[in-house]
Amino acid sequence: MTHAAIDSMLLSSTDPERLHAWYAQGLAPEEDTKVESYRVLKFGPVYLMIDSRDDVGAANPEPGRLILNFHVEDARAAVERLDRLHTTWLAPLEDRDGSLFATAVDPDGNYVQLIQMSEEHRAAM
């Protein structure tokens, strides 16, 4: 049996263009394309696909159920980019023993965690 791998995630919204703009401008994907009705953003080996659906509301009622973790090289710069987009922060940037963490709330209410791991924490993993 072969192992499964996460290749992509689908994030649906009542306003996919607004959501796309927030992720594209705030988190600087490697690729940003449009395929039919989908906005497709590539972050590392994972694709984030954004579309619209009739069965989702304007805001996520349980944002803690799934948190998107973005590992970034410069957490302070990422926070500054997201601040320019008037982002709400669930948890502001903090230093946790040399690693930096912050949790943003995207325009649909989803939690997005920024992580900049220290060299020591990477070595320990």
C-alpha atoms as a PDB file:
ATOM      1  CA  MET A   1       0.000   0.000   0.000  1.00  0.00           C
ATOM      2  CA  THR A   2       1.316   3.457  -0.843  1.00  0.00           C
ATOM      3  CA  HIS A   3       1.118   6.379   1.538  1.00  0.00           C
ATOM      4  CA  ALA A   4      -1.275   9.256   1.071  1.00  0.00           C
ATOM      5  CA  ALA A   5       0.034  12.808   0.753  1.00  0.00           C
ATOM      6  CA  ILE A   6      -1.655  16.171   1.085  1.00  0.00           C
ATOM      7  CA  ASP A   7      -1.248  17.950  -2.219  1.00  0.00           C
ATOM      8  CA  SER A   8      -3.944  20.603  -2.006  1.00  0.00           C
ATOM      9  CA  MET A   9      -6.618  22.159   0.150  1.00  0.00           C
ATOM     10  CA  LEU A  10      -9.920  23.633  -0.982  1.00  0.00           C
ATOM     11  CA  LEU A  11     -11.026  26.813   0.766  1.00  0.00           C
ATOM     12  CA  SER A  12     -14.537  27.890  -0.199  1.00  0.00           C
ATOM     13  CA  SER A  13     -15.950  31.343   0.299  1.00  0.00           C
ATOM     14  CA  THR A  14     -18.955  33.514  -0.475  1.00  0.00           C
ATOM     15  CA  ASP A  15     -16.385  36.070  -1.699  1.00  0.00           C
ATOM     16  CA  PRO A  16     -13.512  34.095  -3.264  1.00  0.00           C
ATOM     17  CA  GLU A  17     -11.899  37.129  -4.920  1.00  0.00           C
ATOM     18  CA  ARG A  18     -11.566  38.927  -1.571  1.00  0.00           C
ATOM     19  CA  LEU A  19     -10.163  35.786   0.047  1.00  0.00           C
ATOM     20  CA  HIS A  20      -7.758  35.227  -2.841  1.00  0.00           C
ATOM     21  CA  ALA A  21      -6.477  38.802  -2.606  1.00  0.00           C
ATOM     22  CA  TRP A  22      -5.803  38.436   1.126  1.00  0.00           C
ATOM     23  CA  TYR A  23      -3.785  35.218   0.730  1.00  0.00           C
ATOM     24  CA  ALA A  24      -1.960  36.375  -2.418  1.00  0.00           C
ATOM     25  CA  GLN A  25      -1.010  39.824  -1.090  1.00  0.00           C
ATOM     26  CA  GLY A  26      -0.387  38.815   2.496  1.00  0.00           C
ATOM     27  CA  LEU A  27       1.436  35.508   2.162  1.00  0.00           C
ATOM     28  CA  ALA A  28       3.278  35.763  -1.185  1.00  0.00           C
ATOM     29  CA  PRO A  29       2.600  32.395  -2.843  1.00  0.00           C
ATOM     30  CA  GLU A  30       5.140  30.859  -5.211  1.00  0.00           C
ATOM     31  CA  GLU A  31       2.435  30.638  -7.887  1.00  0.00           C
ATOM     32  CA  ASP A  32      -0.907  32.373  -8.371  1.00  0.00           C
ATOM     33  CA  THR A  33      -3.079  31.086 -11.210  1.00  0.00           C
ATOM     34  CA  LYS A  34      -6.709  30.818 -12.174  1.00  0.00           C
ATOM     35  CA  VAL A  35      -8.102  27.503 -13.404  1.00  0.00           C
ATOM     36  CA  GLU A  36     -11.742  27.777 -14.453  1.00  0.00           C
ATOM     37  CA  SER A  37     -13.495  29.215 -11.372  1.00  0.00           C
ATOM     38  CA  TYR A  38     -10.669  28.315  -8.972  1.00  0.00           C
ATOM     39  CA  ARG A  39      -7.894  30.597  -7.762  1.00  0.00           C
ATOM     40  CA  VAL A  40      -4.893  28.333  -7.224  1.00  0.00           C
ATOM     41  CA  LEU A  41      -2.070  29.462  -4.951  1.00  0.00           C
ATOM     42  CA  LYS A  42       1.049  27.365  -4.438  1.00  0.00           C
ATOM     43  CA  PHE A  43       2.729  27.489  -1.041  1.00  0.00           C
ATOM     44  CA  GLY A  44       5.668  25.095  -0.930  1.00  0.00           C
ATOM     45  CA  PRO A  45       4.470  21.673  -2.106  1.00  0.00           C
ATOM     46  CA  VAL A  46       0.800  22.393  -1.257  1.00  0.00           C
ATOM     47  CA  TYR A  47      -1.778  24.112  -3.445  1.00  0.00           C
ATOM     48  CA  LEU A  48      -4.469  26.243  -1.826  1.00  0.00           C
ATOM     49  CA  MET A  49      -7.504  26.334  -4.106  1.00  0.00           C
ATOM     50  CA  ILE A  50     -10.108  29.018  -3.476  1.00  0.00           C
ATOM     51  CA  ASP A  51     -13.607  28.892  -4.919  1.00  0.00           C
ATOM     52  CA  SER A  52     -17.213  29.694  -4.109  1.00  0.00           C
ATOM     53  CA  ARG A  53     -19.902  27.297  -2.925  1.00  0.00           C
ATOM     54  CA  ASP A  54     -23.562  27.660  -2.111  1.00  0.00           C
ATOM     55  CA  ASP A  55     -23.291  25.573   1.065  1.00  0.00           C
ATOM     56  CA  VAL A  56     -20.915  27.856   3.033  1.00  0.00           C
ATOM     57  CA  GLY A  57     -21.712  30.968   5.012  1.00  0.00           C
ATOM     58  CA  ALA A  58     -19.944  34.307   4.943  1.00  0.00           C
ATOM     59  CA  ALA A  59     -17.939  33.502   8.102  1.00  0.00           C
ATOM     60  CA  ASN A  60     -16.527  30.266   9.479  1.00  0.00           C
ATOM     61  CA  PRO A  61     -18.530  29.415  12.645  1.00  0.00           C
ATOM     62  CA  GLU A  62     -15.799  27.128  14.053  1.00  0.00           C
ATOM     63  CA  PRO A  63     -12.438  28.565  12.963  1.00  0.00           C
ATOM     64  CA  GLY A  64     -10.460  26.541  15.491  1.00  0.00           C
ATOM     65  CA  ARG A  65     -11.481  23.279  13.835  1.00  0.00           C
ATOM     66  CA  LEU A  66      -8.830  23.649  11.115  1.00  0.00           C
ATOM     67  CA  ILE A  67      -5.903  26.042  11.375  1.00  0.00           C
ATOM     68  CA  LEU A  68      -3.769  26.719   8.323  1.00  0.00           C
ATOM     69  CA  ASN A  69      -0.093  26.783   9.348  1.00  0.00           C
ATOM     70  CA  PHE A  70       2.250  28.785   7.136  1.00  0.00           C
ATOM     71  CA  HIS A  71       5.967  28.406   7.793  1.00  0.00           C
ATOM     72  CA  VAL A  72       7.618  31.693   6.851  1.00  0.00           C
ATOM     73  CA  GLU A  73      11.228  32.830   6.627  1.00  0.00           C
ATOM     74  CA  ASP A  74      10.496  36.253   8.128  1.00  0.00           C
ATOM     75  CA  ALA A  75       7.486  36.346  10.441  1.00  0.00           C
ATOM     76  CA  ARG A  76       7.855  40.052  11.147  1.00  0.00           C
ATOM     77  CA  ALA A  77       7.679  40.914   7.437  1.00  0.00           C
ATOM     78  CA  ALA A  78       4.668  38.608   6.980  1.00  0.00           C
ATOM     79  CA  VAL A  79       2.875  40.298   9.889  1.00  0.00           C
ATOM     80  CA  GLU A  80       3.614  43.720   8.363  1.00  0.00           C
ATOM     81  CA  ARG A  81       2.155  42.646   4.993  1.00  0.00           C
ATOM     82  CA  LEU A  82      -0.978  41.325   6.679  1.00  0.00           C
ATOM     83  CA  ASP A  83      -1.273  44.457   8.832  1.00  0.00           C
ATOM     84  CA  ARG A  84      -1.402  46.525   5.626  1.00  0.00           C
ATOM     85  CA  LEU A  85      -4.460  44.443   4.691  1.00  0.00           C
ATOM     86  CA  HIS A  86      -6.152  45.399   8.008  1.00  0.00           C
ATOM     87  CA  THR A  87      -5.883  41.853   9.344  1.00  0.00           C
ATOM     88  CA  THR A  88      -7.413  40.932  12.686  1.00  0.00           C
ATOM     89  CA  TRP A  89      -5.063  39.019  14.967  1.00  0.00           C
ATOM     90  CA  LEU A  90      -6.236  36.229  17.241  1.00  0.00           C
ATOM     91  CA  ALA A  91      -2.717  36.043  18.698  1.00  0.00           C
ATOM     92  CA  PRO A  92      -0.136  38.746  17.962  1.00  0.00           C
ATOM     93  CA  LEU A  93       3.423  37.867  17.035  1.00  0.00           C
ATOM     94  CA  GLU A  94       5.258  36.334  19.960  1.00  0.00           C
ATOM     95  CA  ASP A  95       8.625  34.759  20.575  1.00  0.00           C
ATOM     96  CA  ARG A  96       8.375  31.231  21.972  1.00  0.00           C
ATOM     97  CA  ASP A  97      11.892  30.240  22.979  1.00  0.00           C
ATOM     98  CA  GLY A  98      13.387  31.631  19.772  1.00  0.00           C
ATOM     99  CA  SER A  99      10.611  30.642  17.360  1.00  0.00           C
ATOM    100  CA  LEU A 100       8.040  33.231  16.253  1.00  0.00           C
ATOM    101  CA  PHE A 101       4.295  32.560  16.124  1.00  0.00           C
ATOM    102  CA  ALA A 102       1.235  34.657  15.283  1.00  0.00           C
ATOM    103  CA  THR A 103      -2.351  33.731  14.460  1.00  0.00           C
ATOM    104  CA  ALA A 104      -4.282  35.856  11.967  1.00  0.00           C
ATOM    105  CA  VAL A 105      -7.951  35.723  11.081  1.00  0.00           C
ATOM    106  CA  ASP A 106      -8.538  35.709   7.320  1.00  0.00           C
ATOM    107  CA  PRO A 107     -11.475  37.658   5.797  1.00  0.00           C
ATOM    108  CA  ASP A 108     -13.776  34.626   6.158  1.00  0.00           C
ATOM    109  CA  GLY A 109     -12.863  34.063   9.803  1.00  0.00           C
ATOM    110  CA  ASN A 110     -10.451  31.140   9.311  1.00  0.00           C
ATOM    111  CA  TYR A 111      -7.406  30.965  11.569  1.00  0.00           C
ATOM    112  CA  VAL A 112      -4.046  31.268   9.830  1.00  0.00           C
ATOM    113  CA  GLN A 113      -0.938  30.680  11.917  1.00  0.00           C
ATOM    114  CA  LEU A 114       2.434  32.091  10.907  1.00  0.00           C
ATOM    115  CA  ILE A 115       5.432  30.146  12.146  1.00  0.00           C
ATOM    116  CA  GLN A 116       9.111  31.014  11.917  1.00  0.00           C
ATOM    117  CA  MET A 117      11.001  28.146  13.517  1.00  0.00           C
ATOM    118  CA  SER A 118      14.354  28.748  15.137  1.00  0.00           C
ATOM    119  CA  GLU A 119      17.336  26.699  13.996  1.00  0.00           C
ATOM    120  CA  GLU A 120      17.328  24.938  17.377  1.00  0.00           C
ATOM    121  CA  HIS A 121      13.679  23.908  17.067  1.00  0.00           C
ATOM    122  CA  ARG A 122      14.219  22.705  13.487  1.00  0.00           C
ATOM    123  CA  ALA A 123      17.167  20.592  14.598  1.00  0.00           C
ATOM    124  CA  ALA A 124      15.080  19.067  17.392  1.00  0.00           C
ATOM    125  CA  MET A 125      12.326  18.015  14.974  1.00  0.00           C
END
